[in-house]
Amino acid sequence: MLSGSDSGIGHALAKYLDSLGFVVFAGVLNQDGPGAEELRRTCSQRLSVLQLDITNATQVREAYLAVSEKVQNAGLWGIVNNAGILGFPADGELLPMSTYRHCMEVNFFGAVEVSKTFLPLLRKSQGRLVNMSSMAGGIPLPRYAAYGASKAALSMFSGVMRQELSKWGIKVAAIHPSGFRTGIQGTAEQWDQQEKELMENLPADTRQAYGEEYLLGLRNYLLQLPSHCAPDLSPVLGAVLHALLARRPQGLYTPGKGAYVPLCIFCCFPLWFYDFF
């Protein structure tokens, strides 16, 4: 069972696992949207599309009941908490509190809700819990205060669950991809709304301190973001597959160019060196 299958990594992962013969339960935010329709059209009949807004406890419970009815006593082999949002990348001081709360609701609390709800099915199969975090959840990255904090919480949750669930044979892994082209940055319409909210909530002295030119240039970062991201998602898909099938999966995967080195520098060198790096 995986969440966030409308687009990006989740969409590609649903197709990939289906092509390998898995029975896939693809949770989507909009079961009538183009992503869900494409999964129904292109995948085998083994794949089931589930309406799953992970911030909606009722939908999470309904998805659990639908999956339970299909797997029955066999249990569920894997949960992949993939659904996530980026928010508007900007300096932490500039971001409205609503951005912090929204990131935490989707990237952390939603994943926890899904995990807690579906764990009884994993316990039956001694299966796998895989959480899609980010390199921003392991190292501090400018402009990602809200997103990074929510992914750091998810990574810590993964580590604790790995320790606590081992007594039932459940293995837990966190995935920390580097930059991949997934569409997580959202649409121009969403940018307009987020930028408007950010600007409207800025105190006058903060606006003056940063300057209008800097504030107006924040959107350019979003426009340039895809060009700095890898289009090939196969390293991420391979990491998830290994986490699901390996006899001894890693607790942490860092797929993608540049994901592992910064983490090593952050963990092993003085902080001043990382900040300079």
C-alpha atoms as a PDB file:
ATOM      1  CA  MET A   1       0.000   0.000   0.000  1.00  0.00           C
ATOM      2  CA  LEU A   2       1.423   3.350  -0.959  1.00  0.00           C
ATOM      3  CA  SER A   3       0.201   6.897  -0.623  1.00  0.00           C
ATOM      4  CA  GLY A   4       0.628   9.841  -2.960  1.00  0.00           C
ATOM      5  CA  SER A   5       0.218   7.862  -6.179  1.00  0.00           C
ATOM      6  CA  ASP A   6      -1.347  10.704  -8.173  1.00  0.00           C
ATOM      7  CA  SER A   7       1.998  11.883  -9.533  1.00  0.00           C
ATOM      8  CA  GLY A   8       5.763  11.922  -9.066  1.00  0.00           C
ATOM      9  CA  ILE A   9       7.531   9.128  -7.219  1.00  0.00           C
ATOM     10  CA  GLY A  10       4.327   7.547  -5.938  1.00  0.00           C
ATOM     11  CA  HIS A  11       2.831   7.328  -9.414  1.00  0.00           C
ATOM     12  CA  ALA A  12       6.014   5.872 -10.891  1.00  0.00           C
ATOM     13  CA  LEU A  13       6.365   3.468  -7.968  1.00  0.00           C
ATOM     14  CA  ALA A  14       2.807   2.171  -8.333  1.00  0.00           C
ATOM     15  CA  LYS A  15       3.456   1.396 -12.011  1.00  0.00           C
ATOM     16  CA  TYR A  16       6.858  -0.110 -11.286  1.00  0.00           C
ATOM     17  CA  LEU A  17       5.653  -2.453  -8.533  1.00  0.00           C
ATOM     18  CA  ASP A  18       2.642  -3.464 -10.613  1.00  0.00           C
ATOM     19  CA  SER A  19       4.941  -4.333 -13.538  1.00  0.00           C
ATOM     20  CA  LEU A  20       6.925  -6.600 -11.205  1.00  0.00           C
ATOM     21  CA  GLY A  21       3.809  -8.537 -10.223  1.00  0.00           C
ATOM     22  CA  PHE A  22       3.003  -6.930  -6.875  1.00  0.00           C
ATOM     23  CA  VAL A  23      -0.565  -6.510  -5.691  1.00  0.00           C
ATOM     24  CA  VAL A  24      -0.601  -2.732  -5.320  1.00  0.00           C
ATOM     25  CA  PHE A  25      -3.004  -0.561  -3.363  1.00  0.00           C
ATOM     26  CA  ALA A  26      -2.366   2.915  -4.765  1.00  0.00           C
ATOM     27  CA  GLY A  27      -3.643   5.665  -2.512  1.00  0.00           C
ATOM     28  CA  VAL A  28      -4.444   8.902  -4.332  1.00  0.00           C
ATOM     29  CA  LEU A  29      -5.574  12.348  -3.226  1.00  0.00           C
ATOM     30  CA  ASN A  30      -8.128  12.464  -6.044  1.00  0.00           C
ATOM     31  CA  GLN A  31      -9.528   9.159  -7.272  1.00  0.00           C
ATOM     32  CA  ASP A  32     -11.103  10.929 -10.244  1.00  0.00           C
ATOM     33  CA  GLY A  33      -7.952  12.840 -11.202  1.00  0.00           C
ATOM     34  CA  PRO A  34      -5.707  12.219 -14.223  1.00  0.00           C
ATOM     35  CA  GLY A  35      -3.093  10.331 -12.181  1.00  0.00           C
ATOM     36  CA  ALA A  36      -5.637   7.857 -10.847  1.00  0.00           C
ATOM     37  CA  GLU A  37      -7.211   7.425 -14.285  1.00  0.00           C
ATOM     38  CA  GLU A  38      -3.828   6.690 -15.846  1.00  0.00           C
ATOM     39  CA  LEU A  39      -3.092   4.021 -13.231  1.00  0.00           C
ATOM     40  CA  ARG A  40      -6.420   2.325 -13.969  1.00  0.00           C
ATOM     41  CA  ARG A  41      -5.770   2.511 -17.711  1.00  0.00           C
ATOM     42  CA  THR A  42      -2.152   1.361 -17.825  1.00  0.00           C
ATOM     43  CA  CYS A  43      -1.750  -1.041 -14.899  1.00  0.00           C
ATOM     44  CA  SER A  44      -2.950  -4.590 -14.385  1.00  0.00           C
ATOM     45  CA  GLN A  45      -6.120  -5.582 -12.579  1.00  0.00           C
ATOM     46  CA  ARG A  46      -3.994  -6.410  -9.538  1.00  0.00           C
ATOM     47  CA  LEU A  47      -3.694  -2.675  -8.825  1.00  0.00           C
ATOM     48  CA  SER A  48      -6.446  -1.021  -6.801  1.00  0.00           C
ATOM     49  CA  VAL A  49      -6.838   2.753  -6.647  1.00  0.00           C
ATOM     50  CA  LEU A  50      -7.899   4.004  -3.217  1.00  0.00           C
ATOM     51  CA  GLN A  51      -9.157   7.449  -2.287  1.00  0.00           C
ATOM     52  CA  LEU A  52      -6.645   8.469   0.376  1.00  0.00           C
ATOM     53  CA  ASP A  53      -6.127  11.952   1.729  1.00  0.00           C
ATOM     54  CA  ILE A  54      -3.687  11.037   4.496  1.00  0.00           C
ATOM     55  CA  THR A  55      -4.723  14.082   6.541  1.00  0.00           C
ATOM     56  CA  ASN A  56      -8.291  12.748   6.646  1.00  0.00           C
ATOM     57  CA  ALA A  57      -8.619  10.101   9.376  1.00  0.00           C
ATOM     58  CA  THR A  58     -11.908   8.828   7.917  1.00  0.00           C
ATOM     59  CA  GLN A  59     -10.333   8.175   4.517  1.00  0.00           C
ATOM     60  CA  VAL A  60      -7.338   6.472   6.131  1.00  0.00           C
ATOM     61  CA  ARG A  61      -9.689   4.183   8.048  1.00  0.00           C
ATOM     62  CA  GLU A  62     -11.768   3.428   4.948  1.00  0.00           C
ATOM     63  CA  ALA A  63      -8.612   2.563   3.019  1.00  0.00           C
ATOM     64  CA  TYR A  64      -7.563   0.240   5.833  1.00  0.00           C
ATOM     65  CA  LEU A  65     -10.915  -1.558   5.738  1.00  0.00           C
ATOM     66  CA  ALA A  66     -10.737  -1.920   1.939  1.00  0.00           C
ATOM     67  CA  VAL A  67      -7.221  -3.368   2.089  1.00  0.00           C
ATOM     68  CA  SER A  68      -8.078  -5.628   5.043  1.00  0.00           C
ATOM     69  CA  GLU A  69     -11.000  -7.102   3.130  1.00  0.00           C
ATOM     70  CA  LYS A  70      -8.734  -8.028   0.219  1.00  0.00           C
ATOM     71  CA  VAL A  71      -5.700  -9.368   2.080  1.00  0.00           C
ATOM     72  CA  GLN A  72      -7.640 -10.933   4.980  1.00  0.00           C
ATOM     73  CA  ASN A  73      -5.457 -13.197   7.123  1.00  0.00           C
ATOM     74  CA  ALA A  74      -2.428 -12.939   4.835  1.00  0.00           C
ATOM     75  CA  GLY A  75      -1.721  -9.432   6.053  1.00  0.00           C
ATOM     76  CA  LEU A  76      -0.009  -6.665   4.114  1.00  0.00           C
ATOM     77  CA  TRP A  77       3.645  -6.937   3.133  1.00  0.00           C
ATOM     78  CA  GLY A  78       4.530  -3.279   2.771  1.00  0.00           C
ATOM     79  CA  ILE A  79       3.462   0.272   3.505  1.00  0.00           C
ATOM     80  CA  VAL A  80       5.173   3.078   1.606  1.00  0.00           C
ATOM     81  CA  ASN A  81       4.420   6.487   3.078  1.00  0.00           C
ATOM     82  CA  ASN A  82       5.171   8.546   0.004  1.00  0.00           C
ATOM     83  CA  ALA A  83       2.631  11.381  -0.006  1.00  0.00           C
ATOM     84  CA  GLY A  84       4.228  14.740   0.667  1.00  0.00           C
ATOM     85  CA  ILE A  85       4.231  18.452  -0.103  1.00  0.00           C
ATOM     86  CA  LEU A  86       7.037  20.971  -0.508  1.00  0.00           C
ATOM     87  CA  GLY A  87       5.390  24.266   0.308  1.00  0.00           C
ATOM     88  CA  PHE A  88       6.844  27.578  -0.879  1.00  0.00           C
ATOM     89  CA  PRO A  89      10.647  27.486  -0.483  1.00  0.00           C
ATOM     90  CA  ALA A  90      11.689  30.640   1.353  1.00  0.00           C
ATOM     91  CA  ASP A  91      13.696  31.715   4.371  1.00  0.00           C
ATOM     92  CA  GLY A  92      12.282  30.296   7.593  1.00  0.00           C
ATOM     93  CA  GLU A  93      11.541  33.746   8.996  1.00  0.00           C
ATOM     94  CA  LEU A  94       9.445  34.617   5.968  1.00  0.00           C
ATOM     95  CA  LEU A  95       7.247  31.527   5.894  1.00  0.00           C
ATOM     96  CA  PRO A  96       3.771  31.900   7.428  1.00  0.00           C
ATOM     97  CA  MET A  97       2.885  29.513  10.230  1.00  0.00           C
ATOM     98  CA  SER A  98       0.283  27.914   7.963  1.00  0.00           C
ATOM     99  CA  THR A  99       3.119  26.573   5.771  1.00  0.00           C
ATOM    100  CA  TYR A 100       4.808  24.954   8.767  1.00  0.00           C
ATOM    101  CA  ARG A 101       1.524  23.430   9.911  1.00  0.00           C
ATOM    102  CA  HIS A 102       0.570  22.176   6.446  1.00  0.00           C
ATOM    103  CA  CYS A 103       3.963  20.524   5.928  1.00  0.00           C
ATOM    104  CA  MET A 104       3.732  18.813   9.289  1.00  0.00           C
ATOM    105  CA  GLU A 105       0.133  17.678   8.669  1.00  0.00           C
ATOM    106  CA  VAL A 106       0.965  15.983   5.377  1.00  0.00           C
ATOM    107  CA  ASN A 107       4.631  14.999   5.615  1.00  0.00           C
ATOM    108  CA  PHE A 108       4.626  13.859   9.240  1.00  0.00           C
ATOM    109  CA  PHE A 109       1.236  13.487  10.935  1.00  0.00           C
ATOM    110  CA  GLY A 110      -0.349  11.952   7.827  1.00  0.00           C
ATOM    111  CA  ALA A 111       2.408   9.345   7.570  1.00  0.00           C
ATOM    112  CA  VAL A 112       2.100   8.558  11.280  1.00  0.00           C
ATOM    113  CA  GLU A 113      -1.682   8.172  10.934  1.00  0.00           C
ATOM    114  CA  VAL A 114      -1.298   5.747   8.033  1.00  0.00           C
ATOM    115  CA  SER A 115       1.432   3.785   9.822  1.00  0.00           C
ATOM    116  CA  LYS A 116      -0.515   3.409  13.058  1.00  0.00           C
ATOM    117  CA  THR A 117      -3.680   2.403  11.212  1.00  0.00           C
ATOM    118  CA  PHE A 118      -2.065  -0.221   8.963  1.00  0.00           C
ATOM    119  CA  LEU A 119       0.464  -1.701  11.399  1.00  0.00           C
ATOM    120  CA  PRO A 120      -1.845  -4.565  12.448  1.00  0.00           C
ATOM    121  CA  LEU A 121      -1.710  -5.830   8.851  1.00  0.00           C
ATOM    122  CA  LEU A 122       2.097  -5.564   8.784  1.00  0.00           C
ATOM    123  CA  ARG A 123       2.337  -7.460  12.044  1.00  0.00           C
ATOM    124  CA  LYS A 124       0.511 -10.413  10.458  1.00  0.00           C
ATOM    125  CA  SER A 125       3.052 -10.657   7.643  1.00  0.00           C
ATOM    126  CA  GLN A 126       6.156  -9.401   9.477  1.00  0.00           C
ATOM    127  CA  GLY A 127       6.342  -6.921   6.635  1.00  0.00           C
ATOM    128  CA  ARG A 128       8.006  -3.599   5.811  1.00  0.00           C
ATOM    129  CA  LEU A 129       7.334   0.043   6.630  1.00  0.00           C
ATOM    130  CA  VAL A 130       9.048   2.438   4.205  1.00  0.00           C
ATOM    131  CA  ASN A 131       8.927   6.192   4.744  1.00  0.00           C
ATOM    132  CA  MET A 132       9.797   8.600   1.946  1.00  0.00           C
ATOM    133  CA  SER A 133      11.738  11.333   3.691  1.00  0.00           C
ATOM    134  CA  SER A 134      14.271  13.619   1.981  1.00  0.00           C
ATOM    135  CA  MET A 135      17.891  14.694   2.164  1.00  0.00           C
ATOM    136  CA  ALA A 136      16.359  17.868   3.629  1.00  0.00           C
ATOM    137  CA  GLY A 137      15.228  15.704   6.542  1.00  0.00           C
ATOM    138  CA  GLY A 138      18.804  14.746   7.367  1.00  0.00           C
ATOM    139  CA  ILE A 139      20.732  17.962   6.792  1.00  0.00           C
ATOM    140  CA  PRO A 140      19.792  21.653   7.094  1.00  0.00           C
ATOM    141  CA  LEU A 141      19.137  23.249   3.706  1.00  0.00           C
ATOM    142  CA  PRO A 142      18.366  26.963   3.286  1.00  0.00           C
ATOM    143  CA  ARG A 143      14.775  27.777   2.252  1.00  0.00           C
ATOM    144  CA  TYR A 144      13.505  24.402   3.466  1.00  0.00           C
ATOM    145  CA  ALA A 145      12.811  25.135   7.133  1.00  0.00           C
ATOM    146  CA  ALA A 146       9.185  23.950   7.045  1.00  0.00           C
ATOM    147  CA  TYR A 147       9.677  21.072   4.622  1.00  0.00           C
ATOM    148  CA  GLY A 148      12.961  19.968   6.199  1.00  0.00           C
ATOM    149  CA  ALA A 149      11.569  20.044   9.740  1.00  0.00           C
ATOM    150  CA  SER A 150       8.610  17.868   8.728  1.00  0.00           C
ATOM    151  CA  LYS A 151      10.872  15.382   6.934  1.00  0.00           C
ATOM    152  CA  ALA A 152      13.307  15.330   9.867  1.00  0.00           C
ATOM    153  CA  ALA A 153      10.382  14.400  12.106  1.00  0.00           C
ATOM    154  CA  LEU A 154       9.460  11.603   9.697  1.00  0.00           C
ATOM    155  CA  SER A 155      13.048  10.326   9.660  1.00  0.00           C
ATOM    156  CA  MET A 156      13.205  10.243  13.453  1.00  0.00           C
ATOM    157  CA  PHE A 157       9.828   8.477  13.554  1.00  0.00           C
ATOM    158  CA  SER A 158      11.263   5.884  11.154  1.00  0.00           C
ATOM    159  CA  GLY A 159      14.281   5.291  13.360  1.00  0.00           C
ATOM    160  CA  VAL A 160      12.217   4.834  16.499  1.00  0.00           C
ATOM    161  CA  MET A 161       9.740   2.542  14.728  1.00  0.00           C
ATOM    162  CA  ARG A 162      12.656   0.483  13.372  1.00  0.00           C
ATOM    163  CA  GLN A 163      13.736  -0.198  16.956  1.00  0.00           C
ATOM    164  CA  GLU A 164      10.290  -0.715  18.449  1.00  0.00           C
ATOM    165  CA  LEU A 165       8.763  -2.905  15.728  1.00  0.00           C
ATOM    166  CA  SER A 166      11.718  -5.262  15.347  1.00  0.00           C
ATOM    167  CA  LYS A 167      10.309  -7.545  18.049  1.00  0.00           C
ATOM    168  CA  TRP A 168       7.536  -8.475  15.596  1.00  0.00           C
ATOM    169  CA  GLY A 169       9.911  -8.926  12.691  1.00  0.00           C
ATOM    170  CA  ILE A 170       8.745  -5.710  10.996  1.00  0.00           C
ATOM    171  CA  LYS A 171      11.573  -3.862   9.259  1.00  0.00           C
ATOM    172  CA  VAL A 172      11.496  -0.097   8.802  1.00  0.00           C
ATOM    173  CA  ALA A 173      13.429   2.038   6.325  1.00  0.00           C
ATOM    174  CA  ALA A 174      13.668   5.745   5.557  1.00  0.00           C
ATOM    175  CA  ILE A 175      14.436   6.954   2.028  1.00  0.00           C
ATOM    176  CA  HIS A 176      16.410  10.222   1.712  1.00  0.00           C
ATOM    177  CA  PRO A 177      16.442  11.037  -2.018  1.00  0.00           C
ATOM    178  CA  SER A 178      18.401  13.952  -3.409  1.00  0.00           C
ATOM    179  CA  GLY A 179      16.787  16.212  -6.006  1.00  0.00           C
ATOM    180  CA  PHE A 180      14.492  14.428  -8.448  1.00  0.00           C
ATOM    181  CA  ARG A 181      11.999  15.902 -10.894  1.00  0.00           C
ATOM    182  CA  THR A 182       8.681  14.874  -9.351  1.00  0.00           C
ATOM    183  CA  GLY A 183       6.441  17.911  -9.664  1.00  0.00           C
ATOM    184  CA  ILE A 184       6.365  18.334  -5.879  1.00  0.00           C
ATOM    185  CA  GLN A 185       6.971  22.069  -6.324  1.00  0.00           C
ATOM    186  CA  GLY A 186       3.348  22.391  -7.416  1.00  0.00           C
ATOM    187  CA  THR A 187       1.646  24.529 -10.065  1.00  0.00           C
ATOM    188  CA  ALA A 188       1.843  28.210 -10.961  1.00  0.00           C
ATOM    189  CA  GLU A 189      -1.612  28.699  -9.430  1.00  0.00           C
ATOM    190  CA  GLN A 190      -0.409  27.227  -6.125  1.00  0.00           C
ATOM    191  CA  TRP A 191       2.711  29.401  -6.236  1.00  0.00           C
ATOM    192  CA  ASP A 192       0.552  32.511  -6.661  1.00  0.00           C
ATOM    193  CA  GLN A 193      -1.536  31.615  -3.631  1.00  0.00           C
ATOM    194  CA  GLN A 194       1.466  30.727  -1.452  1.00  0.00           C
ATOM    195  CA  GLU A 195       3.416  33.807  -2.508  1.00  0.00           C
ATOM    196  CA  LYS A 196       0.416  36.039  -1.810  1.00  0.00           C
ATOM    197  CA  GLU A 197      -0.029  34.556   1.667  1.00  0.00           C
ATOM    198  CA  LEU A 198       3.675  34.959   2.407  1.00  0.00           C
ATOM    199  CA  MET A 199       3.760  38.611   1.338  1.00  0.00           C
ATOM    200  CA  GLU A 200       0.535  39.538   3.131  1.00  0.00           C
ATOM    201  CA  ASN A 201       1.800  38.167   6.441  1.00  0.00           C
ATOM    202  CA  LEU A 202       5.201  39.899   6.428  1.00  0.00           C
ATOM    203  CA  PRO A 203       5.721  42.606   9.040  1.00  0.00           C
ATOM    204  CA  ALA A 204       6.963  45.896   7.595  1.00  0.00           C
ATOM    205  CA  ASP A 205      10.348  45.698   9.335  1.00  0.00           C
ATOM    206  CA  THR A 206      10.941  42.155   8.010  1.00  0.00           C
ATOM    207  CA  ARG A 207      10.014  43.224   4.492  1.00  0.00           C
ATOM    208  CA  GLN A 208      12.442  46.130   4.782  1.00  0.00           C
ATOM    209  CA  ALA A 209      15.236  43.933   6.172  1.00  0.00           C
ATOM    210  CA  TYR A 210      15.061  41.493   3.237  1.00  0.00           C
ATOM    211  CA  GLY A 211      14.282  44.040   0.570  1.00  0.00           C
ATOM    212  CA  GLU A 212      11.694  43.963  -2.204  1.00  0.00           C
ATOM    213  CA  GLU A 213      14.129  42.687  -4.813  1.00  0.00           C
ATOM    214  CA  TYR A 214      14.988  39.615  -2.722  1.00  0.00           C
ATOM    215  CA  LEU A 215      11.358  38.881  -1.909  1.00  0.00           C
ATOM    216  CA  LEU A 216      10.249  39.177  -5.521  1.00  0.00           C
ATOM    217  CA  GLY A 217      13.079  36.861  -6.535  1.00  0.00           C
ATOM    218  CA  LEU A 218      11.882  33.980  -4.342  1.00  0.00           C
ATOM    219  CA  ARG A 219       9.624  32.693  -7.115  1.00  0.00           C
ATOM    220  CA  ASN A 220      12.581  32.402  -9.490  1.00  0.00           C
ATOM    221  CA  TYR A 221      13.961  29.643  -7.271  1.00  0.00           C
ATOM    222  CA  LEU A 222      10.829  27.569  -7.890  1.00  0.00           C
ATOM    223  CA  LEU A 223      11.044  28.199 -11.619  1.00  0.00           C
ATOM    224  CA  GLN A 224      14.659  27.008 -11.719  1.00  0.00           C
ATOM    225  CA  LEU A 225      14.199  24.051  -9.352  1.00  0.00           C
ATOM    226  CA  PRO A 226      13.274  21.391 -11.970  1.00  0.00           C
ATOM    227  CA  SER A 227      16.404  22.135 -14.018  1.00  0.00           C
ATOM    228  CA  HIS A 228      18.562  21.149 -11.036  1.00  0.00           C
ATOM    229  CA  CYS A 229      16.709  17.862 -10.453  1.00  0.00           C
ATOM    230  CA  ALA A 230      17.311  14.461 -12.036  1.00  0.00           C
ATOM    231  CA  PRO A 231      14.516  13.291 -14.368  1.00  0.00           C
ATOM    232  CA  ASP A 232      15.256   9.562 -13.907  1.00  0.00           C
ATOM    233  CA  LEU A 233      13.454   8.225 -10.831  1.00  0.00           C
ATOM    234  CA  SER A 234      14.907   4.705 -11.086  1.00  0.00           C
ATOM    235  CA  PRO A 235      17.413   5.160  -8.186  1.00  0.00           C
ATOM    236  CA  VAL A 236      14.511   5.956  -5.851  1.00  0.00           C
ATOM    237  CA  LEU A 237      12.373   3.111  -7.169  1.00  0.00           C
ATOM    238  CA  GLY A 238      15.289   0.709  -6.736  1.00  0.00           C
ATOM    239  CA  ALA A 239      15.854   1.856  -3.158  1.00  0.00           C
ATOM    240  CA  VAL A 240      12.197   1.290  -2.270  1.00  0.00           C
ATOM    241  CA  LEU A 241      12.242  -2.131  -3.915  1.00  0.00           C
ATOM    242  CA  HIS A 242      15.323  -3.126  -1.924  1.00  0.00           C
ATOM    243  CA  ALA A 243      13.697  -1.884   1.282  1.00  0.00           C
ATOM    244  CA  LEU A 244      10.648  -3.995   0.520  1.00  0.00           C
ATOM    245  CA  LEU A 245      12.350  -7.217  -0.559  1.00  0.00           C
ATOM    246  CA  ALA A 246      15.867  -7.442   0.888  1.00  0.00           C
ATOM    247  CA  ARG A 247      16.357  -9.918   3.685  1.00  0.00           C
ATOM    248  CA  ARG A 248      18.274  -7.261   5.598  1.00  0.00           C
ATOM    249  CA  PRO A 249      17.146  -3.861   4.310  1.00  0.00           C
ATOM    250  CA  GLN A 250      19.076  -0.749   5.218  1.00  0.00           C
ATOM    251  CA  GLY A 251      17.597   1.569   7.799  1.00  0.00           C
ATOM    252  CA  LEU A 252      18.471   4.543   5.583  1.00  0.00           C
ATOM    253  CA  TYR A 253      18.712   4.851   1.807  1.00  0.00           C
ATOM    254  CA  THR A 254      20.201   7.874   0.034  1.00  0.00           C
ATOM    255  CA  PRO A 255      19.407   7.479  -3.678  1.00  0.00           C
ATOM    256  CA  GLY A 256      20.508  10.123  -6.114  1.00  0.00           C
ATOM    257  CA  LYS A 257      23.542  12.206  -6.875  1.00  0.00           C
ATOM    258  CA  GLY A 258      24.821  14.181  -3.926  1.00  0.00           C
ATOM    259  CA  ALA A 259      22.525  12.686  -1.288  1.00  0.00           C
ATOM    260  CA  TYR A 260      25.130  10.796   0.765  1.00  0.00           C
ATOM    261  CA  VAL A 261      28.150  13.112   0.811  1.00  0.00           C
ATOM    262  CA  PRO A 262      26.475  16.139   2.456  1.00  0.00           C
ATOM    263  CA  LEU A 263      24.984  13.848   5.090  1.00  0.00           C
ATOM    264  CA  CYS A 264      28.427  12.438   5.893  1.00  0.00           C
ATOM    265  CA  ILE A 265      29.919  15.931   6.116  1.00  0.00           C
ATOM    266  CA  PHE A 266      27.103  17.101   8.378  1.00  0.00           C
ATOM    267  CA  CYS A 267      27.451  14.086  10.692  1.00  0.00           C
ATOM    268  CA  CYS A 268      31.236  13.745  10.779  1.00  0.00           C
ATOM    269  CA  PHE A 269      32.660  17.261  10.486  1.00  0.00           C
ATOM    270  CA  PRO A 270      32.321  20.399  12.632  1.00  0.00           C
ATOM    271  CA  LEU A 271      29.168  22.371  11.877  1.00  0.00           C
ATOM    272  CA  TRP A 272      31.155  25.404  10.710  1.00  0.00           C
ATOM    273  CA  PHE A 273      32.679  23.221   7.991  1.00  0.00           C
ATOM    274  CA  TYR A 274      29.246  22.015   6.828  1.00  0.00           C
ATOM    275  CA  ASP A 275      27.902  25.584   6.785  1.00  0.00           C
ATOM    276  CA  PHE A 276      30.899  26.666   4.716  1.00  0.00           C
ATOM    277  CA  PHE A 277      30.553  23.633   2.437  1.00  0.00           C
END
